[in-house]
Amino acid sequence: MPLELSEGAYSLRGIKVADLCEQYGTPVYVYDTETIKNQYELLIKSFKGANIKVKYACKALTNPNILRYIKSLGAGLDTVSIQEVQIGLAAGFEPADIIYTPNNVSLDEIKQAVDLGVHINIDNISILEQFGNYYGSKVPVCIRVNPHIMAGGNVKISTGHIDSKFGISIYQLRHVERVVKTTGIRVQGVHMHTGSDILDVGVFSRGAEMLFDVARDFKDLEFLDFGSGFKIPYKPGDMGTDVQELGKTLSVRFNEFCKEYGRDLELWFEPGKFIVSEAGYFFAKVNVIKQTTATVFVGIDTGLNHLIRPMFYDAYHHIINVSNPTGTERIYTVAGYICETDTFAWDRKINEVREGDILAFYNAGAYGFTMASNYNSRPRPAEVMIYNGKDHLIRKRETLEDLNRNVVEVEM
């Protein structure tokens, strides 16, 4: 882990955490670009036998500075809204390197994306038919299929099961073929995404065979998009997806399919959490230690407004006390300052916590800041990026003025 303990103090790439928190205040998100690079390169090297293209799923973390850095590594972009498309273009991505995969949006928003020149990925028959009637063969599309594979560690982030709102059922492919034939749509890619936190690489192999079966029905494909869902370790000793094993097996099978298909295709993946989760840390200050008849609460200067994953997904974030690393381990429940039950961790072993200490949350790079809100009229925190051994402020902490900027006063 980049967060290192040396001479009684924690540092990140040689920068003391205490100094970061003093300079930028708490709570604060801090991202390590070296970890992002390592994750990206691991994926590329694991699939060196195939023509792999990585499209970073930017919904995980959309700060333009992070996007520019990921672009510099050679990645493209996976987007799910027209706003993400626009942010990606502003960050310097070429339209040809962006795929737009919305869900339950209007044709008007899809037309905006077409006008911006990005790849279009459609996940329902209604929009596919509307798109075909409007554009015919003028604009190529990718089609997202639902393989009906239940995968992932949490039903809220599993997207390939039979009750999922995402994708076109594989049992509706004959309907898709009729729409494509009657409207003249040019299909350039097929796509699937089964969910997140997938540990078993066999899930990808089963999904791949389904995707290959779908691909055989479309003769002018340029790429196959396998989505993502790679699991990363959350707890000490936790396991992640073995992407090296996956790379070896899937690359061979993919190349075999390309020979069978009669054309070399690109193999696309859309990792988000895999790229940025472990690169991010969330630092918060302890406001109070509160003991009840059964529980010792650590109350910190943040809440579900800044990091909702534990409350929303029951997600686990490893927490350490960076201010007292040698203190005796005690059992705490870590809770926030929001007027809701915003508990980050129940009965967690942490080195003795004192008021004023700094706690560090691991795996805070993905779906942390991007899901933050102004609930309880609290401003969102600052974001900091560690790049080339230096810390850079990449988003200022919000102020009350920011919260009121769009308010229109009415005379009474």
Protein backbone atom coordinates (compact mmCIF):
# COMPACT_ATOMS: atom_id res chain seq x y z
CA MET A 1 0.00 0.00 0.00
CA PRO A 2 1.33 3.50 -0.80
CA LEU A 3 0.27 4.74 2.64
CA GLU A 4 3.43 4.03 4.63
CA LEU A 5 4.36 4.23 8.31
CA SER A 6 7.86 5.53 8.97
CA GLU A 7 9.30 6.92 12.18
CA GLY A 8 5.88 7.01 13.82
CA ALA A 9 4.14 8.99 11.05
CA TYR A 10 2.08 7.97 8.04
CA SER A 11 2.98 9.39 4.64
CA LEU A 12 1.76 9.07 1.07
CA ARG A 13 4.54 9.01 -1.51
CA GLY A 14 6.79 10.75 0.99
CA ILE A 15 4.25 13.43 1.96
CA LYS A 16 3.11 13.28 5.57
CA VAL A 17 -0.61 12.76 5.99
CA ALA A 18 -0.63 15.21 8.90
CA ASP A 19 0.80 17.88 6.61
CA LEU A 20 -1.81 17.20 3.92
CA CYS A 21 -4.65 17.49 6.44
CA GLU A 22 -3.21 20.66 7.92
CA GLN A 23 -2.79 22.29 4.53
CA TYR A 24 -6.09 21.27 2.92
CA GLY A 25 -8.26 20.68 5.99
CA THR A 26 -10.53 17.75 6.67
CA PRO A 27 -12.40 15.91 5.43
CA VAL A 28 -10.36 15.58 2.24
CA TYR A 29 -10.01 13.13 -0.64
CA VAL A 30 -6.45 12.37 -1.74
CA TYR A 31 -5.59 10.40 -4.90
CA ASP A 32 -2.26 8.74 -5.73
CA THR A 33 -1.60 8.77 -9.48
CA GLU A 34 1.17 6.17 -9.22
CA THR A 35 -1.37 3.60 -8.02
CA ILE A 36 -3.65 4.50 -10.93
CA LYS A 37 -0.77 3.90 -13.32
CA ASN A 38 0.09 0.55 -11.72
CA GLN A 39 -3.51 -0.68 -12.01
CA TYR A 40 -3.79 0.42 -15.63
CA GLU A 41 -0.49 -1.20 -16.60
CA LEU A 42 -1.42 -4.43 -14.79
CA LEU A 43 -4.52 -4.71 -16.95
CA ILE A 44 -2.70 -3.91 -20.18
CA LYS A 45 0.11 -6.41 -19.46
CA SER A 46 -2.36 -9.12 -18.45
CA PHE A 47 -4.00 -8.93 -21.90
CA LYS A 48 -0.85 -8.41 -23.94
CA GLY A 49 -1.88 -11.30 -26.17
CA ALA A 50 -4.97 -9.46 -27.42
CA ASN A 51 -5.71 -6.09 -29.00
CA ILE A 52 -7.01 -4.59 -25.76
CA LYS A 53 -8.48 -1.12 -25.40
CA VAL A 54 -9.24 0.22 -21.92
CA LYS A 55 -12.15 2.65 -21.59
CA TYR A 56 -12.02 4.07 -18.07
CA ALA A 57 -15.51 4.15 -16.50
CA CYS A 58 -15.38 7.75 -15.39
CA LYS A 59 -18.50 7.61 -13.22
CA ALA A 60 -16.14 6.24 -10.54
CA LEU A 61 -14.16 9.49 -10.38
CA THR A 62 -14.65 12.37 -12.83
CA ASN A 63 -12.25 15.06 -11.66
CA PRO A 64 -10.84 16.47 -14.94
CA ASN A 65 -7.27 16.30 -13.63
CA ILE A 66 -7.64 12.60 -12.96
CA LEU A 67 -9.18 12.16 -16.40
CA ARG A 68 -6.27 13.94 -18.06
CA TYR A 69 -3.83 11.73 -16.20
CA ILE A 70 -5.65 8.55 -17.19
CA LYS A 71 -5.72 9.77 -20.79
CA SER A 72 -1.93 10.24 -20.66
CA LEU A 73 -1.61 6.53 -19.84
CA GLY A 74 -3.37 5.64 -23.10
CA ALA A 75 -6.91 4.93 -21.92
CA GLY A 76 -10.16 5.93 -23.52
CA LEU A 77 -13.36 6.76 -21.67
CA ASP A 78 -16.62 5.02 -20.79
CA THR A 79 -19.41 7.49 -20.07
CA VAL A 80 -23.02 7.10 -18.95
CA SER A 81 -24.39 10.63 -19.34
CA ILE A 82 -24.08 13.45 -21.82
CA GLN A 83 -22.42 15.51 -19.09
CA GLU A 84 -19.69 12.88 -18.65
CA VAL A 85 -19.17 12.96 -22.42
CA GLN A 86 -18.74 16.73 -22.29
CA ILE A 87 -16.37 16.55 -19.31
CA GLY A 88 -14.31 13.91 -21.10
CA LEU A 89 -14.05 16.00 -24.27
CA ALA A 90 -13.04 19.04 -22.21
CA ALA A 91 -10.35 16.90 -20.55
CA GLY A 92 -8.84 16.22 -23.97
CA PHE A 93 -10.23 12.83 -24.98
CA GLU A 94 -10.90 12.38 -28.68
CA PRO A 95 -14.53 11.55 -29.55
CA ALA A 96 -13.37 8.28 -31.12
CA ASP A 97 -11.93 7.22 -27.75
CA ILE A 98 -15.21 7.73 -25.86
CA ILE A 99 -18.13 5.31 -25.61
CA TYR A 100 -21.46 6.56 -24.34
CA THR A 101 -23.65 3.96 -22.61
CA PRO A 102 -26.72 5.64 -21.13
CA ASN A 103 -29.67 3.98 -19.45
CA ASN A 104 -33.28 5.13 -19.67
CA VAL A 105 -32.45 8.42 -21.40
CA SER A 106 -34.36 10.06 -24.21
CA LEU A 107 -33.40 9.89 -27.87
CA ASP A 108 -32.71 13.63 -27.67
CA GLU A 109 -29.79 13.08 -25.29
CA ILE A 110 -28.45 10.33 -27.54
CA LYS A 111 -28.66 12.71 -30.49
CA GLN A 112 -26.48 15.16 -28.56
CA ALA A 113 -23.88 12.44 -28.14
CA VAL A 114 -24.06 11.59 -31.85
CA ASP A 115 -23.41 15.25 -32.67
CA LEU A 116 -20.32 15.13 -30.43
CA GLY A 117 -18.95 12.20 -32.45
CA VAL A 118 -18.60 9.56 -29.71
CA HIS A 119 -19.42 5.84 -29.90
CA ILE A 120 -23.06 5.11 -29.10
CA ASN A 121 -24.03 2.07 -27.02
CA ILE A 122 -27.77 1.26 -26.87
CA ASP A 123 -29.30 -0.98 -24.22
CA ASN A 124 -33.02 -1.23 -25.06
CA ILE A 125 -35.04 -2.13 -28.12
CA SER A 126 -37.29 0.94 -28.04
CA ILE A 127 -34.39 3.38 -28.38
CA LEU A 128 -32.62 1.08 -30.85
CA GLU A 129 -35.66 1.21 -33.11
CA GLN A 130 -36.03 4.98 -32.74
CA PHE A 131 -32.31 5.39 -33.45
CA GLY A 132 -32.50 3.20 -36.54
CA ASN A 133 -35.53 5.01 -37.91
CA TYR A 134 -33.80 8.37 -37.46
CA TYR A 135 -30.23 7.60 -38.55
CA GLY A 136 -30.50 4.42 -40.62
CA SER A 137 -26.97 3.28 -41.49
CA LYS A 138 -25.42 6.75 -41.11
CA VAL A 139 -24.30 6.35 -37.50
CA PRO A 140 -22.87 3.04 -36.23
CA VAL A 141 -23.92 1.68 -32.85
CA CYS A 142 -22.87 -0.79 -30.22
CA ILE A 143 -25.57 -2.98 -28.66
CA ARG A 144 -25.54 -3.83 -24.97
CA VAL A 145 -26.86 -7.27 -24.16
CA ASN A 146 -27.89 -8.69 -20.81
CA PRO A 147 -26.37 -12.20 -20.52
CA HIS A 148 -28.54 -13.12 -17.50
CA ILE A 149 -25.49 -14.00 -15.44
CA MET A 150 -25.85 -13.18 -11.76
CA ALA A 151 -22.42 -11.89 -10.84
CA GLY A 152 -20.85 -9.54 -8.37
CA GLY A 153 -20.71 -9.21 -4.63
CA ASN A 154 -23.75 -6.97 -4.17
CA VAL A 155 -27.15 -7.12 -5.84
CA LYS A 156 -27.23 -3.32 -6.04
CA ILE A 157 -24.21 -3.34 -8.36
CA SER A 158 -24.95 -6.56 -10.22
CA THR A 159 -26.21 -5.64 -13.67
CA GLY A 160 -26.45 -8.87 -15.68
CA HIS A 161 -29.20 -10.77 -13.86
CA ILE A 162 -32.63 -11.38 -15.33
CA ASP A 163 -34.35 -8.57 -13.38
CA SER A 164 -31.73 -5.96 -14.23
CA LYS A 165 -32.79 -2.77 -15.99
CA PHE A 166 -29.54 -2.82 -18.00
CA GLY A 167 -29.09 -4.27 -21.47
CA ILE A 168 -31.21 -6.13 -23.98
CA SER A 169 -32.00 -9.69 -22.99
CA ILE A 170 -30.18 -12.37 -24.96
CA TYR A 171 -33.62 -13.90 -25.43
CA GLN A 172 -34.67 -10.83 -27.42
CA LEU A 173 -31.87 -11.03 -29.98
CA ARG A 174 -34.17 -12.13 -32.80
CA HIS A 175 -36.19 -8.97 -32.20
CA VAL A 176 -32.94 -6.97 -32.29
CA GLU A 177 -31.97 -8.58 -35.58
CA ARG A 178 -35.32 -7.64 -37.10
CA VAL A 179 -34.90 -4.02 -35.97
CA VAL A 180 -31.36 -3.90 -37.37
CA LYS A 181 -32.45 -5.38 -40.68
CA THR A 182 -35.53 -3.23 -41.19
CA THR A 183 -33.89 0.07 -40.22
CA GLY A 184 -30.46 -0.59 -41.74
CA ILE A 185 -28.54 0.05 -38.50
CA ARG A 186 -24.81 -0.58 -38.76
CA VAL A 187 -23.68 -2.51 -35.67
CA GLN A 188 -20.01 -1.93 -34.89
CA GLY A 189 -19.80 -3.57 -31.47
CA VAL A 190 -21.58 -5.71 -28.90
CA HIS A 191 -21.27 -5.14 -25.18
CA MET A 192 -22.07 -6.81 -21.89
CA HIS A 193 -21.56 -5.95 -18.23
CA THR A 194 -22.42 -8.45 -15.54
CA GLY A 195 -21.78 -6.41 -12.40
CA SER A 196 -19.05 -5.36 -10.02
CA ASP A 197 -16.83 -7.12 -7.50
CA ILE A 198 -16.58 -10.30 -9.59
CA LEU A 199 -14.01 -12.63 -8.03
CA ASP A 200 -14.52 -15.71 -10.20
CA VAL A 201 -12.80 -15.30 -13.57
CA GLY A 202 -15.05 -18.08 -14.85
CA VAL A 203 -17.88 -15.54 -14.94
CA PHE A 204 -16.05 -13.63 -17.66
CA SER A 205 -15.41 -16.84 -19.59
CA ARG A 206 -19.10 -17.79 -19.52
CA GLY A 207 -20.07 -14.27 -20.49
CA ALA A 208 -17.49 -14.26 -23.27
CA GLU A 209 -18.96 -17.35 -24.89
CA MET A 210 -22.39 -15.73 -24.82
CA LEU A 211 -20.97 -12.56 -26.34
CA PHE A 212 -19.23 -14.57 -29.06
CA ASP A 213 -22.56 -16.23 -29.90
CA VAL A 214 -24.17 -12.80 -30.21
CA ALA A 215 -21.30 -11.45 -32.29
CA ARG A 216 -21.69 -14.19 -34.90
CA ASP A 217 -25.00 -12.64 -35.94
CA PHE A 218 -23.39 -9.29 -36.85
CA LYS A 219 -20.89 -9.34 -39.71
CA ASP A 220 -19.32 -5.87 -39.53
CA LEU A 221 -18.14 -5.65 -35.94
CA GLU A 222 -15.06 -3.69 -34.93
CA PHE A 223 -14.93 -4.51 -31.21
CA LEU A 224 -16.34 -6.63 -28.41
CA ASP A 225 -16.86 -4.82 -25.10
CA PHE A 226 -16.70 -7.02 -21.99
CA GLY A 227 -17.51 -4.24 -19.52
CA SER A 228 -15.63 -4.74 -16.27
CA GLY A 229 -16.50 -5.69 -12.72
CA PHE A 230 -13.03 -6.67 -11.51
CA LYS A 231 -12.98 -7.01 -7.74
CA ILE A 232 -10.30 -5.21 -5.75
CA PRO A 233 -9.25 -6.14 -2.19
CA TYR A 234 -11.07 -4.24 0.57
CA LYS A 235 -9.88 -5.84 3.79
CA PRO A 236 -6.39 -6.95 4.86
CA GLY A 237 -5.94 -10.40 3.37
CA ASP A 238 -8.87 -9.91 0.98
CA MET A 239 -8.74 -11.30 -2.55
CA GLY A 240 -9.24 -9.49 -5.84
CA THR A 241 -9.96 -10.69 -9.37
CA ASP A 242 -6.94 -12.48 -10.80
CA VAL A 243 -6.72 -10.35 -13.95
CA GLN A 244 -3.48 -12.06 -14.98
CA GLU A 245 -5.18 -15.44 -15.09
CA LEU A 246 -8.15 -13.90 -16.86
CA GLY A 247 -5.85 -12.21 -19.35
CA LYS A 248 -4.14 -15.46 -20.27
CA THR A 249 -7.29 -17.48 -20.79
CA LEU A 250 -9.53 -14.83 -22.35
CA SER A 251 -6.84 -13.51 -24.72
CA VAL A 252 -6.35 -16.98 -26.21
CA ARG A 253 -10.08 -17.57 -26.56
CA PHE A 254 -10.66 -14.08 -27.98
CA ASN A 255 -7.96 -14.54 -30.63
CA GLU A 256 -9.47 -17.91 -31.56
CA PHE A 257 -12.82 -16.24 -32.03
CA CYS A 258 -11.29 -13.49 -34.21
CA LYS A 259 -9.89 -16.16 -36.55
CA GLU A 260 -13.29 -17.84 -36.66
CA TYR A 261 -14.98 -14.47 -37.27
CA GLY A 262 -12.56 -13.68 -40.08
CA ARG A 263 -11.40 -10.32 -38.77
CA ASP A 264 -9.19 -8.97 -35.99
CA LEU A 265 -11.41 -7.25 -33.45
CA GLU A 266 -10.57 -4.98 -30.55
CA LEU A 267 -11.13 -6.30 -27.01
CA TRP A 268 -12.59 -3.55 -24.84
CA PHE A 269 -12.85 -3.34 -21.08
CA GLU A 270 -14.43 -0.56 -19.00
CA PRO A 271 -12.78 -0.61 -15.55
CA GLY A 272 -13.62 2.15 -13.12
CA LYS A 273 -13.24 0.99 -9.54
CA PHE A 274 -10.33 -1.28 -10.55
CA ILE A 275 -8.38 1.73 -11.82
CA VAL A 276 -8.99 4.33 -9.11
CA SER A 277 -10.39 2.75 -5.93
CA GLU A 278 -7.10 1.78 -4.29
CA ALA A 279 -5.56 5.08 -5.35
CA GLY A 280 -7.90 7.09 -3.15
CA TYR A 281 -7.84 7.90 0.57
CA PHE A 282 -10.38 9.81 2.58
CA PHE A 283 -9.07 11.58 5.67
CA ALA A 284 -11.38 12.78 8.44
CA LYS A 285 -10.83 14.30 11.90
CA VAL A 286 -12.27 12.90 15.11
CA ASN A 287 -14.65 15.39 16.73
CA VAL A 288 -15.85 13.39 19.73
CA ILE A 289 -15.48 10.09 21.51
CA LYS A 290 -18.90 9.12 22.84
CA GLN A 291 -19.48 6.11 25.07
CA THR A 292 -22.92 4.62 25.53
CA THR A 293 -23.89 1.64 27.68
CA ALA A 294 -22.82 -0.75 24.91
CA THR A 295 -20.79 1.13 22.33
CA VAL A 296 -17.84 3.50 22.01
CA PHE A 297 -18.57 5.86 19.12
CA VAL A 298 -15.93 7.75 17.19
CA GLY A 299 -17.68 10.81 15.80
CA ILE A 300 -15.91 12.36 12.81
CA ASP A 301 -16.19 15.56 10.80
CA THR A 302 -17.94 13.96 7.82
CA GLY A 303 -20.86 11.69 7.04
CA LEU A 304 -22.89 9.96 4.37
CA ASN A 305 -22.95 13.28 2.53
CA HIS A 306 -19.28 12.75 1.65
CA LEU A 307 -18.93 8.95 1.61
CA ILE A 308 -22.22 7.12 1.18
CA ARG A 309 -20.94 3.68 0.13
CA PRO A 310 -21.00 2.07 3.61
CA MET A 311 -24.60 3.14 4.13
CA PHE A 312 -25.80 2.60 0.56
CA TYR A 313 -23.97 -0.61 -0.38
CA ASP A 314 -22.88 -1.94 3.03
CA ALA A 315 -19.42 -1.38 1.59
CA TYR A 316 -16.36 -2.07 3.70
CA HIS A 317 -13.61 0.57 3.98
CA HIS A 318 -10.52 -0.29 5.97
CA ILE A 319 -9.96 2.45 8.59
CA ILE A 320 -6.75 3.27 10.46
CA ASN A 321 -5.78 5.93 12.98
CA VAL A 322 -2.91 7.77 11.34
CA SER A 323 -2.38 9.96 14.42
CA ASN A 324 -1.78 7.12 16.89
CA PRO A 325 -0.40 4.16 14.92
CA THR A 326 1.15 2.45 17.95
CA GLY A 327 -1.82 2.88 20.30
CA THR A 328 -3.53 -0.11 21.85
CA GLU A 329 -6.20 -1.58 19.60
CA ARG A 330 -9.71 -1.02 20.88
CA ILE A 331 -13.20 -1.66 19.51
CA TYR A 332 -15.02 1.34 18.04
CA THR A 333 -18.04 2.20 15.97
CA VAL A 334 -17.20 5.02 13.55
CA ALA A 335 -20.08 7.37 12.79
CA GLY A 336 -20.60 10.67 11.00
CA TYR A 337 -22.10 14.03 11.87
CA ILE A 338 -25.21 13.85 9.68
CA CYS A 339 -28.71 13.81 11.11
CA GLU A 340 -29.20 10.23 9.94
CA THR A 341 -27.70 6.92 10.99
CA ASP A 342 -24.49 7.32 9.01
CA THR A 343 -22.29 4.60 10.45
CA PHE A 344 -19.08 3.85 8.57
CA ALA A 345 -17.96 0.87 10.63
CA TRP A 346 -19.40 -1.23 13.47
CA ASP A 347 -17.22 -2.86 16.13
CA ARG A 348 -14.00 -2.14 14.28
CA LYS A 349 -10.53 -2.70 15.76
CA ILE A 350 -8.60 0.57 15.55
CA ASN A 351 -5.54 1.84 17.41
CA GLU A 352 -6.77 3.92 20.35
CA VAL A 353 -8.62 6.94 19.05
CA ARG A 354 -8.52 10.35 20.69
CA GLU A 355 -10.40 13.52 19.92
CA GLY A 356 -8.49 15.44 17.25
CA ASP A 357 -6.95 12.33 15.66
CA ILE A 358 -7.03 11.76 11.90
CA LEU A 359 -8.64 8.61 10.51
CA ALA A 360 -7.81 7.29 7.05
CA PHE A 361 -10.37 5.44 4.92
CA TYR A 362 -8.86 3.13 2.31
CA ASN A 363 -10.32 2.41 -1.16
CA ALA A 364 -11.90 5.84 -1.39
CA GLY A 365 -10.97 6.62 -4.98
CA ALA A 366 -14.11 5.19 -6.58
CA TYR A 367 -17.67 6.38 -5.94
CA GLY A 368 -16.60 8.57 -3.06
CA PHE A 369 -16.56 12.18 -4.17
CA THR A 370 -18.69 11.43 -7.25
CA MET A 371 -21.57 10.31 -5.02
CA ALA A 372 -21.10 13.10 -2.47
CA SER A 373 -23.94 15.51 -1.78
CA ASN A 374 -24.84 18.65 0.16
CA TYR A 375 -27.21 16.87 2.54
CA ASN A 376 -27.72 18.82 5.79
CA SER A 377 -26.43 21.81 3.77
CA ARG A 378 -22.87 20.63 4.28
CA PRO A 379 -20.34 21.62 1.61
CA ARG A 380 -18.44 18.93 -0.25
CA PRO A 381 -14.75 18.37 0.61
CA ALA A 382 -11.60 19.24 -1.27
CA GLU A 383 -9.79 16.86 -3.63
CA VAL A 384 -6.02 16.54 -3.79
CA MET A 385 -3.86 14.65 -6.29
CA ILE A 386 -0.36 13.30 -5.61
CA TYR A 387 1.56 13.55 -8.87
CA ASN A 388 5.32 13.23 -9.37
CA GLY A 389 5.88 13.31 -5.63
CA LYS A 390 3.96 16.57 -5.09
CA ASP A 391 0.50 17.35 -3.80
CA HIS A 392 -1.86 19.37 -5.99
CA LEU A 393 -5.24 20.80 -5.06
CA ILE A 394 -7.59 19.68 -7.85
CA ARG A 395 -10.91 20.79 -6.38
CA LYS A 396 -11.48 23.48 -3.77
CA ARG A 397 -13.58 22.80 -0.71
CA GLU A 398 -17.08 24.14 -1.22
CA THR A 399 -18.37 27.15 0.69
CA LEU A 400 -21.81 28.37 1.72
CA GLU A 401 -21.69 30.67 -1.31
CA ASP A 402 -21.32 27.61 -3.55
CA LEU A 403 -24.41 26.06 -2.01
CA ASN A 404 -26.46 29.22 -2.60
CA ARG A 405 -25.10 30.08 -6.05
CA ASN A 406 -28.16 28.93 -8.01
CA VAL A 407 -30.80 30.06 -5.55
CA VAL A 408 -33.31 32.55 -6.98
CA GLU A 409 -34.84 34.74 -4.31
CA VAL A 410 -38.54 35.55 -4.50
CA GLU A 411 -39.92 38.77 -3.11
CA MET A 412 -42.41 38.21 -0.28
